[in-house]
Amino acid sequence: MGSAYQIRDQELPYYFTFQVVGWADVFSRQIYRDIVIDSFKYCQLNKGMKLYAYVIMTNHVHTIIASTANDLSGLVRDFKKYTSKQILKAASENKQESL
């Protein structure tokens, strides 16, 4: 995360927007929305994510999340890294995709 936005209290809920590079309409396909939802579920069960709300738009995701492990920065980093890798993997397995 850049220095322009800092998480000052790791245990409080924060509003985040995760956007797709180039604002590509990745989430217009169900398979990619499912990857985001599966990532949320995994983080809730294994990483201490407390998910208050989310909205998946065609090219970005809005969330309000907190960390029960008091490491929201690490949680967001891991969520973004894992989710992006899964989306790229799914796109590469589908030869018709062009991300």
PDB file of N, CA and C in Angstrom:
ATOM      1  N   MET A   1       0.848  -1.164   0.000  1.00  0.00           N
ATOM      2  CA  MET A   1       0.000   0.000   0.000  1.00  0.00           C
ATOM      3  C   MET A   1       0.895   1.229   0.000  1.00  0.00           C
ATOM      4  N   GLY A   2       0.574   2.201  -0.777  1.00  0.00           N
ATOM      5  CA  GLY A   2       1.375   3.412  -0.863  1.00  0.00           C
ATOM      6  C   GLY A   2       1.271   4.258   0.388  1.00  0.00           C
ATOM      7  N   SER A   3       2.128   5.238   0.472  1.00  0.00           N
ATOM      8  CA  SER A   3       2.149   6.089   1.662  1.00  0.00           C
ATOM      9  C   SER A   3       0.979   7.074   1.693  1.00  0.00           C
ATOM     10  N   ALA A   4       0.279   7.245   0.587  1.00  0.00           N
ATOM     11  CA  ALA A   4      -0.846   8.178   0.542  1.00  0.00           C
ATOM     12  C   ALA A   4      -2.006   7.689   1.413  1.00  0.00           C
ATOM     13  N   TYR A   5      -2.140   6.383   1.564  1.00  0.00           N
ATOM     14  CA  TYR A   5      -3.227   5.826   2.368  1.00  0.00           C
ATOM     15  C   TYR A   5      -2.621   4.869   3.377  1.00  0.00           C
ATOM     16  N   GLN A   6      -2.749   5.172   4.638  1.00  0.00           N
ATOM     17  CA  GLN A   6      -2.188   4.332   5.681  1.00  0.00           C
ATOM     18  C   GLN A   6      -3.283   3.867   6.628  1.00  0.00           C
ATOM     19  N   ILE A   7      -3.159   2.635   7.042  1.00  0.00           N
ATOM     20  CA  ILE A   7      -4.070   2.087   8.035  1.00  0.00           C
ATOM     21  C   ILE A   7      -3.480   2.417   9.395  1.00  0.00           C
ATOM     22  N   ARG A   8      -4.136   3.290  10.099  1.00  0.00           N
ATOM     23  CA  ARG A   8      -3.597   3.770  11.377  1.00  0.00           C
ATOM     24  C   ARG A   8      -3.948   2.863  12.552  1.00  0.00           C
ATOM     25  N   ASP A   9      -5.090   2.228  12.500  1.00  0.00           N
ATOM     26  CA  ASP A   9      -5.500   1.330  13.576  1.00  0.00           C
ATOM     27  C   ASP A   9      -5.856  -0.013  12.949  1.00  0.00           C
ATOM     28  N   GLN A  10      -4.997  -1.000  13.130  1.00  0.00           N
ATOM     29  CA  GLN A  10      -5.100  -2.290  12.452  1.00  0.00           C
ATOM     30  C   GLN A  10      -6.337  -3.106  12.850  1.00  0.00           C
ATOM     31  N   GLU A  11      -7.000  -2.732  13.933  1.00  0.00           N
ATOM     32  CA  GLU A  11      -8.144  -3.539  14.372  1.00  0.00           C
ATOM     33  C   GLU A  11      -9.499  -2.934  14.030  1.00  0.00           C
ATOM     34  N   LEU A  12      -9.527  -1.724  13.491  1.00  0.00           N
ATOM     35  CA  LEU A  12     -10.788  -1.083  13.125  1.00  0.00           C
ATOM     36  C   LEU A  12     -11.199  -1.435  11.698  1.00  0.00           C
ATOM     37  N   PRO A  13     -12.500  -1.400  11.383  1.00  0.00           N
ATOM     38  CA  PRO A  13     -12.950  -1.607  10.000  1.00  0.00           C
ATOM     39  C   PRO A  13     -12.528  -0.430   9.114  1.00  0.00           C
ATOM     40  N   TYR A  14     -12.177  -0.746   7.879  1.00  0.00           N
ATOM     41  CA  TYR A  14     -11.807   0.269   6.893  1.00  0.00           C
ATOM     42  C   TYR A  14     -12.544   0.000   5.593  1.00  0.00           C
ATOM     43  N   TYR A  15     -12.773   1.066   4.858  1.00  0.00           N
ATOM     44  CA  TYR A  15     -13.373   0.999   3.522  1.00  0.00           C
ATOM     45  C   TYR A  15     -12.239   0.920   2.510  1.00  0.00           C
ATOM     46  N   PHE A  16     -12.313  -0.057   1.605  1.00  0.00           N
ATOM     47  CA  PHE A  16     -11.317  -0.217   0.547  1.00  0.00           C
ATOM     48  C   PHE A  16     -12.011  -0.317  -0.803  1.00  0.00           C
ATOM     49  N   THR A  17     -11.340   0.167  -1.829  1.00  0.00           N
ATOM     50  CA  THR A  17     -11.733  -0.078  -3.208  1.00  0.00           C
ATOM     51  C   THR A  17     -10.549  -0.729  -3.895  1.00  0.00           C
ATOM     52  N   PHE A  18     -10.770  -1.904  -4.458  1.00  0.00           N
ATOM     53  CA  PHE A  18      -9.750  -2.613  -5.223  1.00  0.00           C
ATOM     54  C   PHE A  18     -10.137  -2.505  -6.688  1.00  0.00           C
ATOM     55  N   GLN A  19      -9.292  -1.881  -7.491  1.00  0.00           N
ATOM     56  CA  GLN A  19      -9.634  -1.707  -8.905  1.00  0.00           C
ATOM     57  C   GLN A  19      -8.767  -2.598  -9.783  1.00  0.00           C
ATOM     58  N   VAL A  20      -9.310  -2.965 -10.914  1.00  0.00           N
ATOM     59  CA  VAL A  20      -8.598  -3.754 -11.904  1.00  0.00           C
ATOM     60  C   VAL A  20      -7.684  -2.820 -12.689  1.00  0.00           C
ATOM     61  N   VAL A  21      -6.474  -3.286 -12.968  1.00  0.00           N
ATOM     62  CA  VAL A  21      -5.527  -2.491 -13.742  1.00  0.00           C
ATOM     63  C   VAL A  21      -6.153  -2.138 -15.085  1.00  0.00           C
ATOM     64  N   GLY A  22      -6.092  -0.868 -15.447  1.00  0.00           N
ATOM     65  CA  GLY A  22      -6.666  -0.403 -16.709  1.00  0.00           C
ATOM     66  C   GLY A  22      -8.185  -0.369 -16.703  1.00  0.00           C
ATOM     67  N   TRP A  23      -8.776  -0.568 -15.547  1.00  0.00           N
ATOM     68  CA  TRP A  23     -10.233  -0.569 -15.403  1.00  0.00           C
ATOM     69  C   TRP A  23     -10.925  -1.567 -16.343  1.00  0.00           C
ATOM     70  N   ALA A  24     -10.251  -2.681 -16.636  1.00  0.00           N
ATOM     71  CA  ALA A  24     -10.838  -3.715 -17.493  1.00  0.00           C
ATOM     72  C   ALA A  24     -12.064  -4.320 -16.806  1.00  0.00           C
ATOM     73  N   ASP A  25     -13.092  -4.641 -17.562  1.00  0.00           N
ATOM     74  CA  ASP A  25     -14.345  -5.182 -17.022  1.00  0.00           C
ATOM     75  C   ASP A  25     -14.231  -6.682 -16.726  1.00  0.00           C
ATOM     76  N   VAL A  26     -13.321  -7.023 -15.844  1.00  0.00           N
ATOM     77  CA  VAL A  26     -13.048  -8.421 -15.509  1.00  0.00           C
ATOM     78  C   VAL A  26     -14.238  -9.084 -14.824  1.00  0.00           C
ATOM     79  N   PHE A  27     -14.885  -8.373 -13.922  1.00  0.00           N
ATOM     80  CA  PHE A  27     -15.920  -8.988 -13.096  1.00  0.00           C
ATOM     81  C   PHE A  27     -17.291  -9.043 -13.769  1.00  0.00           C
ATOM     82  N   SER A  28     -17.342  -8.776 -15.056  1.00  0.00           N
ATOM     83  CA  SER A  28     -18.594  -8.969 -15.783  1.00  0.00           C
ATOM     84  C   SER A  28     -18.851 -10.464 -16.005  1.00  0.00           C
ATOM     85  N   ARG A  29     -17.821 -11.284 -15.811  1.00  0.00           N
ATOM     86  CA  ARG A  29     -17.952 -12.741 -15.938  1.00  0.00           C
ATOM     87  C   ARG A  29     -18.088 -13.374 -14.559  1.00  0.00           C
ATOM     88  N   GLN A  30     -19.021 -14.280 -14.424  1.00  0.00           N
ATOM     89  CA  GLN A  30     -19.308 -14.934 -13.139  1.00  0.00           C
ATOM     90  C   GLN A  30     -18.090 -15.646 -12.557  1.00  0.00           C
ATOM     91  N   ILE A  31     -17.287 -16.274 -13.395  1.00  0.00           N
ATOM     92  CA  ILE A  31     -16.134 -17.031 -12.905  1.00  0.00           C
ATOM     93  C   ILE A  31     -15.186 -16.148 -12.087  1.00  0.00           C
ATOM     94  N   TYR A  32     -15.014 -14.908 -12.496  1.00  0.00           N
ATOM     95  CA  TYR A  32     -14.093 -14.011 -11.794  1.00  0.00           C
ATOM     96  C   TYR A  32     -14.735 -13.421 -10.534  1.00  0.00           C
ATOM     97  N   ARG A  33     -16.029 -13.217 -10.573  1.00  0.00           N
ATOM     98  CA  ARG A  33     -16.731 -12.790  -9.348  1.00  0.00           C
ATOM     99  C   ARG A  33     -16.660 -13.896  -8.299  1.00  0.00           C
ATOM    100  N   ASP A  34     -16.793 -15.138  -8.745  1.00  0.00           N
ATOM    101  CA  ASP A  34     -16.704 -16.274  -7.827  1.00  0.00           C
ATOM    102  C   ASP A  34     -15.323 -16.373  -7.185  1.00  0.00           C
ATOM    103  N   ILE A  35     -14.290 -16.039  -7.928  1.00  0.00           N
ATOM    104  CA  ILE A  35     -12.932 -16.054  -7.369  1.00  0.00           C
ATOM    105  C   ILE A  35     -12.820 -15.045  -6.233  1.00  0.00           C
ATOM    106  N   VAL A  36     -13.376 -13.861  -6.420  1.00  0.00           N
ATOM    107  CA  VAL A  36     -13.347 -12.840  -5.363  1.00  0.00           C
ATOM    108  C   VAL A  36     -14.111 -13.339  -4.137  1.00  0.00           C
ATOM    109  N   ILE A  37     -15.282 -13.904  -4.348  1.00  0.00           N
ATOM    110  CA  ILE A  37     -16.093 -14.404  -3.232  1.00  0.00           C
ATOM    111  C   ILE A  37     -15.384 -15.547  -2.515  1.00  0.00           C
ATOM    112  N   ASP A  38     -14.771 -16.458  -3.270  1.00  0.00           N
ATOM    113  CA  ASP A  38     -14.011 -17.553  -2.655  1.00  0.00           C
ATOM    114  C   ASP A  38     -12.827 -17.017  -1.851  1.00  0.00           C
ATOM    115  N   SER A  39     -12.192 -15.967  -2.345  1.00  0.00           N
ATOM    116  CA  SER A  39     -11.083 -15.348  -1.616  1.00  0.00           C
ATOM    117  C   SER A  39     -11.574 -14.727  -0.311  1.00  0.00           C
ATOM    118  N   PHE A  40     -12.739 -14.078  -0.358  1.00  0.00           N
ATOM    119  CA  PHE A  40     -13.337 -13.544   0.872  1.00  0.00           C
ATOM    120  C   PHE A  40     -13.566 -14.670   1.884  1.00  0.00           C
ATOM    121  N   LYS A  41     -14.168 -15.765   1.412  1.00  0.00           N
ATOM    122  CA  LYS A  41     -14.470 -16.892   2.305  1.00  0.00           C
ATOM    123  C   LYS A  41     -13.197 -17.458   2.927  1.00  0.00           C
ATOM    124  N   TYR A  42     -12.168 -17.639   2.100  1.00  0.00           N
ATOM    125  CA  TYR A  42     -10.898 -18.163   2.606  1.00  0.00           C
ATOM    126  C   TYR A  42     -10.313 -17.240   3.671  1.00  0.00           C
ATOM    127  N   CYS A  43     -10.299 -15.950   3.390  1.00  0.00           N
ATOM    128  CA  CYS A  43      -9.734 -14.984   4.341  1.00  0.00           C
ATOM    129  C   CYS A  43     -10.547 -14.916   5.630  1.00  0.00           C
ATOM    130  N   GLN A  44     -11.845 -15.095   5.533  1.00  0.00           N
ATOM    131  CA  GLN A  44     -12.674 -15.111   6.736  1.00  0.00           C
ATOM    132  C   GLN A  44     -12.339 -16.322   7.610  1.00  0.00           C
ATOM    133  N   LEU A  45     -12.153 -17.473   6.986  1.00  0.00           N
ATOM    134  CA  LEU A  45     -11.896 -18.704   7.731  1.00  0.00           C
ATOM    135  C   LEU A  45     -10.455 -18.832   8.213  1.00  0.00           C
ATOM    136  N   ASN A  46      -9.500 -18.320   7.435  1.00  0.00           N
ATOM    137  CA  ASN A  46      -8.091 -18.596   7.704  1.00  0.00           C
ATOM    138  C   ASN A  46      -7.225 -17.390   8.037  1.00  0.00           C
ATOM    139  N   LYS A  47      -7.684 -16.195   7.725  1.00  0.00           N
ATOM    140  CA  LYS A  47      -6.837 -15.013   7.901  1.00  0.00           C
ATOM    141  C   LYS A  47      -7.421 -13.993   8.877  1.00  0.00           C
ATOM    142  N   GLY A  48      -8.564 -14.292   9.446  1.00  0.00           N
ATOM    143  CA  GLY A  48      -9.156 -13.375  10.413  1.00  0.00           C
ATOM    144  C   GLY A  48      -9.867 -12.181   9.804  1.00  0.00           C
ATOM    145  N   MET A  49     -10.340 -12.322   8.558  1.00  0.00           N
ATOM    146  CA  MET A  49     -11.069 -11.217   7.929  1.00  0.00           C
ATOM    147  C   MET A  49     -12.477 -11.124   8.504  1.00  0.00           C
ATOM    148  N   LYS A  50     -12.841  -9.933   8.880  1.00  0.00           N
ATOM    149  CA  LYS A  50     -14.209  -9.632   9.281  1.00  0.00           C
ATOM    150  C   LYS A  50     -14.789  -8.789   8.151  1.00  0.00           C
ATOM    151  N   LEU A  51     -15.673  -9.376   7.363  1.00  0.00           N
ATOM    152  CA  LEU A  51     -16.233  -8.734   6.178  1.00  0.00           C
ATOM    153  C   LEU A  51     -17.587  -8.138   6.539  1.00  0.00           C
ATOM    154  N   TYR A  52     -17.660  -6.813   6.548  1.00  0.00           N
ATOM    155  CA  TYR A  52     -18.894  -6.119   6.894  1.00  0.00           C
ATOM    156  C   TYR A  52     -19.790  -5.921   5.677  1.00  0.00           C
ATOM    157  N   ALA A  53     -19.188  -5.594   4.540  1.00  0.00           N
ATOM    158  CA  ALA A  53     -19.961  -5.346   3.318  1.00  0.00           C
ATOM    159  C   ALA A  53     -19.033  -5.413   2.115  1.00  0.00           C
ATOM    160  N   TYR A  54     -19.609  -5.761   0.969  1.00  0.00           N
ATOM    161  CA  TYR A  54     -18.852  -5.709  -0.284  1.00  0.00           C
ATOM    162  C   TYR A  54     -19.813  -5.511  -1.443  1.00  0.00           C
ATOM    163  N   VAL A  55     -19.278  -4.913  -2.506  1.00  0.00           N
ATOM    164  CA  VAL A  55     -19.997  -4.755  -3.763  1.00  0.00           C
ATOM    165  C   VAL A  55     -18.996  -5.048  -4.865  1.00  0.00           C
ATOM    166  N   ILE A  56     -19.339  -5.975  -5.748  1.00  0.00           N
ATOM    167  CA  ILE A  56     -18.473  -6.286  -6.883  1.00  0.00           C
ATOM    168  C   ILE A  56     -19.050  -5.593  -8.105  1.00  0.00           C
ATOM    169  N   MET A  57     -18.325  -4.620  -8.622  1.00  0.00           N
ATOM    170  CA  MET A  57     -18.703  -3.914  -9.843  1.00  0.00           C
ATOM    171  C   MET A  57     -17.981  -4.594 -11.012  1.00  0.00           C
ATOM    172  N   THR A  58     -18.161  -4.124 -12.226  1.00  0.00           N
ATOM    173  CA  THR A  58     -17.542  -4.792 -13.378  1.00  0.00           C
ATOM    174  C   THR A  58     -16.022  -4.666 -13.390  1.00  0.00           C
ATOM    175  N   ASN A  59     -15.481  -3.596 -12.803  1.00  0.00           N
ATOM    176  CA  ASN A  59     -14.032  -3.389 -12.866  1.00  0.00           C
ATOM    177  C   ASN A  59     -13.402  -2.990 -11.531  1.00  0.00           C
ATOM    178  N   HIS A  60     -14.150  -3.110 -10.455  1.00  0.00           N
ATOM    179  CA  HIS A  60     -13.595  -2.831  -9.130  1.00  0.00           C
ATOM    180  C   HIS A  60     -14.488  -3.438  -8.048  1.00  0.00           C
ATOM    181  N   VAL A  61     -13.930  -3.512  -6.843  1.00  0.00           N
ATOM    182  CA  VAL A  61     -14.646  -4.096  -5.710  1.00  0.00           C
ATOM    183  C   VAL A  61     -14.571  -3.121  -4.544  1.00  0.00           C
ATOM    184  N   HIS A  62     -15.717  -2.839  -3.926  1.00  0.00           N
ATOM    185  CA  HIS A  62     -15.768  -2.020  -2.715  1.00  0.00           C
ATOM    186  C   HIS A  62     -15.939  -2.957  -1.523  1.00  0.00           C
ATOM    187  N   THR A  63     -15.220  -2.688  -0.438  1.00  0.00           N
ATOM    188  CA  THR A  63     -15.354  -3.505   0.761  1.00  0.00           C
ATOM    189  C   THR A  63     -15.279  -2.647   2.017  1.00  0.00           C
ATOM    190  N   ILE A  64     -15.850  -3.174   3.068  1.00  0.00           N
ATOM    191  CA  ILE A  64     -15.597  -2.679   4.421  1.00  0.00           C
ATOM    192  C   ILE A  64     -15.155  -3.911   5.198  1.00  0.00           C
ATOM    193  N   ILE A  65     -13.881  -3.901   5.616  1.00  0.00           N
ATOM    194  CA  ILE A  65     -13.313  -5.073   6.285  1.00  0.00           C
ATOM    195  C   ILE A  65     -12.491  -4.665   7.504  1.00  0.00           C
ATOM    196  N   ALA A  66     -12.315  -5.638   8.381  1.00  0.00           N
ATOM    197  CA  ALA A  66     -11.438  -5.494   9.542  1.00  0.00           C
ATOM    198  C   ALA A  66     -10.686  -6.809   9.698  1.00  0.00           C
ATOM    199  N   SER A  67      -9.680  -6.799  10.557  1.00  0.00           N
ATOM    200  CA  SER A  67      -8.895  -7.998  10.824  1.00  0.00           C
ATOM    201  C   SER A  67      -8.987  -8.351  12.298  1.00  0.00           C
ATOM    202  N   THR A  68      -9.417  -9.572  12.591  1.00  0.00           N
ATOM    203  CA  THR A  68      -9.447 -10.018  13.983  1.00  0.00           C
ATOM    204  C   THR A  68      -8.043 -10.325  14.488  1.00  0.00           C
ATOM    205  N   ALA A  69      -7.082 -10.451  13.576  1.00  0.00           N
ATOM    206  CA  ALA A  69      -5.685 -10.713  13.944  1.00  0.00           C
ATOM    207  C   ALA A  69      -4.893  -9.414  14.117  1.00  0.00           C
ATOM    208  N   ASN A  70      -5.569  -8.263  14.018  1.00  0.00           N
ATOM    209  CA  ASN A  70      -4.926  -6.946  14.157  1.00  0.00           C
ATOM    210  C   ASN A  70      -3.797  -6.723  13.154  1.00  0.00           C
ATOM    211  N   ASP A  71      -3.950  -7.273  11.948  1.00  0.00           N
ATOM    212  CA  ASP A  71      -2.972  -7.065  10.877  1.00  0.00           C
ATOM    213  C   ASP A  71      -3.726  -6.819   9.573  1.00  0.00           C
ATOM    214  N   LEU A  72      -4.458  -5.731   9.521  1.00  0.00           N
ATOM    215  CA  LEU A  72      -5.270  -5.430   8.345  1.00  0.00           C
ATOM    216  C   LEU A  72      -4.403  -5.197   7.114  1.00  0.00           C
ATOM    217  N   SER A  73      -3.261  -4.560   7.288  1.00  0.00           N
ATOM    218  CA  SER A  73      -2.354  -4.320   6.153  1.00  0.00           C
ATOM    219  C   SER A  73      -1.927  -5.634   5.512  1.00  0.00           C
ATOM    220  N   GLY A  74      -1.513  -6.591   6.325  1.00  0.00           N
ATOM    221  CA  GLY A  74      -1.103  -7.893   5.811  1.00  0.00           C
ATOM    222  C   GLY A  74      -2.258  -8.648   5.187  1.00  0.00           C
ATOM    223  N   LEU A  75      -3.419  -8.543   5.790  1.00  0.00           N
ATOM    224  CA  LEU A  75      -4.613  -9.198   5.261  1.00  0.00           C
ATOM    225  C   LEU A  75      -4.960  -8.669   3.874  1.00  0.00           C
ATOM    226  N   VAL A  76      -4.960  -7.355   3.718  1.00  0.00           N
ATOM    227  CA  VAL A  76      -5.273  -6.742   2.418  1.00  0.00           C
ATOM    228  C   VAL A  76      -4.225  -7.140   1.383  1.00  0.00           C
ATOM    229  N   ARG A  77      -2.951  -7.101   1.770  1.00  0.00           N
ATOM    230  CA  ARG A  77      -1.871  -7.505   0.861  1.00  0.00           C
ATOM    231  C   ARG A  77      -2.082  -8.932   0.377  1.00  0.00           C
ATOM    232  N   ASP A  78      -2.318  -9.856   1.317  1.00  0.00           N
ATOM    233  CA  ASP A  78      -2.489 -11.265   0.965  1.00  0.00           C
ATOM    234  C   ASP A  78      -3.740 -11.493   0.120  1.00  0.00           C
ATOM    235  N   PHE A  79      -4.832 -10.814   0.456  1.00  0.00           N
ATOM    236  CA  PHE A  79      -6.072 -10.941  -0.314  1.00  0.00           C
ATOM    237  C   PHE A  79      -5.859 -10.505  -1.763  1.00  0.00           C
ATOM    238  N   LYS A  80      -5.253  -9.342  -1.949  1.00  0.00           N
ATOM    239  CA  LYS A  80      -5.033  -8.822  -3.304  1.00  0.00           C
ATOM    240  C   LYS A  80      -4.094  -9.724  -4.097  1.00  0.00           C
ATOM    241  N   LYS A  81      -3.029 -10.173  -3.467  1.00  0.00           N
ATOM    242  CA  LYS A  81      -2.045 -11.016  -4.152  1.00  0.00           C
ATOM    243  C   LYS A  81      -2.667 -12.347  -4.576  1.00  0.00           C
ATOM    244  N   TYR A  82      -3.329 -13.016  -3.648  1.00  0.00           N
ATOM    245  CA  TYR A  82      -3.931 -14.313  -3.940  1.00  0.00           C
ATOM    246  C   TYR A  82      -5.032 -14.189  -4.990  1.00  0.00           C
ATOM    247  N   THR A  83      -5.909 -13.214  -4.824  1.00  0.00           N
ATOM    248  CA  THR A  83      -7.035 -13.047  -5.744  1.00  0.00           C
ATOM    249  C   THR A  83      -6.556 -12.738  -7.155  1.00  0.00           C
ATOM    250  N   SER A  84      -5.586 -11.853  -7.281  1.00  0.00           N
ATOM    251  CA  SER A  84      -5.085 -11.507  -8.619  1.00  0.00           C
ATOM    252  C   SER A  84      -4.429 -12.709  -9.288  1.00  0.00           C
ATOM    253  N   LYS A  85      -3.692 -13.511  -8.529  1.00  0.00           N
ATOM    254  CA  LYS A  85      -3.065 -14.706  -9.111  1.00  0.00           C
ATOM    255  C   LYS A  85      -4.119 -15.702  -9.582  1.00  0.00           C
ATOM    256  N   GLN A  86      -5.184 -15.863  -8.810  1.00  0.00           N
ATOM    257  CA  GLN A  86      -6.245 -16.793  -9.192  1.00  0.00           C
ATOM    258  C   GLN A  86      -6.990 -16.318 -10.440  1.00  0.00           C
ATOM    259  N   ILE A  87      -7.207 -15.022 -10.550  1.00  0.00           N
ATOM    260  CA  ILE A  87      -7.878 -14.470 -11.735  1.00  0.00           C
ATOM    261  C   ILE A  87      -7.004 -14.658 -12.968  1.00  0.00           C
ATOM    262  N   LEU A  88      -5.720 -14.369 -12.851  1.00  0.00           N
ATOM    263  CA  LEU A  88      -4.805 -14.555 -13.986  1.00  0.00           C
ATOM    264  C   LEU A  88      -4.700 -16.025 -14.377  1.00  0.00           C
ATOM    265  N   LYS A  89      -4.683 -16.910 -13.398  1.00  0.00           N
ATOM    266  CA  LYS A  89      -4.639 -18.348 -13.676  1.00  0.00           C
ATOM    267  C   LYS A  89      -5.896 -18.788 -14.423  1.00  0.00           C
ATOM    268  N   ALA A  90      -7.057 -18.354 -13.952  1.00  0.00           N
ATOM    269  CA  ALA A  90      -8.320 -18.717 -14.609  1.00  0.00           C
ATOM    270  C   ALA A  90      -8.372 -18.169 -16.030  1.00  0.00           C
ATOM    271  N   ALA A  91      -7.888 -16.961 -16.223  1.00  0.00           N
ATOM    272  CA  ALA A  91      -7.889 -16.360 -17.563  1.00  0.00           C
ATOM    273  C   ALA A  91      -6.946 -17.108 -18.495  1.00  0.00           C
ATOM    274  N   SER A  92      -5.793 -17.539 -17.988  1.00  0.00           N
ATOM    275  CA  SER A  92      -4.840 -18.251 -18.844  1.00  0.00           C
ATOM    276  C   SER A  92      -5.346 -19.643 -19.212  1.00  0.00           C
ATOM    277  N   GLU A  93      -6.177 -20.227 -18.359  1.00  0.00           N
ATOM    278  CA  GLU A  93      -6.745 -21.545 -18.647  1.00  0.00           C
ATOM    279  C   GLU A  93      -7.896 -21.468 -19.638  1.00  0.00           C
ATOM    280  N   ASN A  94      -8.458 -20.286 -19.824  1.00  0.00           N
ATOM    281  CA  ASN A  94      -9.536 -20.083 -20.782  1.00  0.00           C
ATOM    282  C   ASN A  94      -8.952 -19.340 -21.978  1.00  0.00           C
ATOM    283  N   LYS A  95      -8.702 -20.045 -23.040  1.00  0.00           N
ATOM    284  CA  LYS A  95      -8.018 -19.485 -24.217  1.00  0.00           C
ATOM    285  C   LYS A  95      -8.791 -18.347 -24.883  1.00  0.00           C
ATOM    286  N   GLN A  96     -10.088 -18.233 -24.609  1.00  0.00           N
ATOM    287  CA  GLN A  96     -10.886 -17.175 -25.224  1.00  0.00           C
ATOM    288  C   GLN A  96     -10.746 -15.844 -24.492  1.00  0.00           C
ATOM    289  N   GLU A  97     -10.154 -15.870 -23.296  1.00  0.00           N
ATOM    290  CA  GLU A  97     -10.017 -14.644 -22.504  1.00  0.00           C
ATOM    291  C   GLU A  97      -8.866 -13.792 -23.012  1.00  0.00           C
ATOM    292  N   SER A  98      -9.031 -12.503 -22.878  1.00  0.00           N
ATOM    293  CA  SER A  98      -7.944 -11.577 -23.204  1.00  0.00           C
ATOM    294  C   SER A  98      -7.951 -10.464 -22.166  1.00  0.00           C
ATOM    295  N   LEU A  99      -7.253 -10.704 -21.055  1.00  0.00           N
ATOM    296  CA  LEU A  99      -7.178  -9.699 -19.994  1.00  0.00           C
ATOM    297  C   LEU A  99      -6.099  -8.695 -20.307  1.00  0.00           C
TER     298      LEU A  99
END
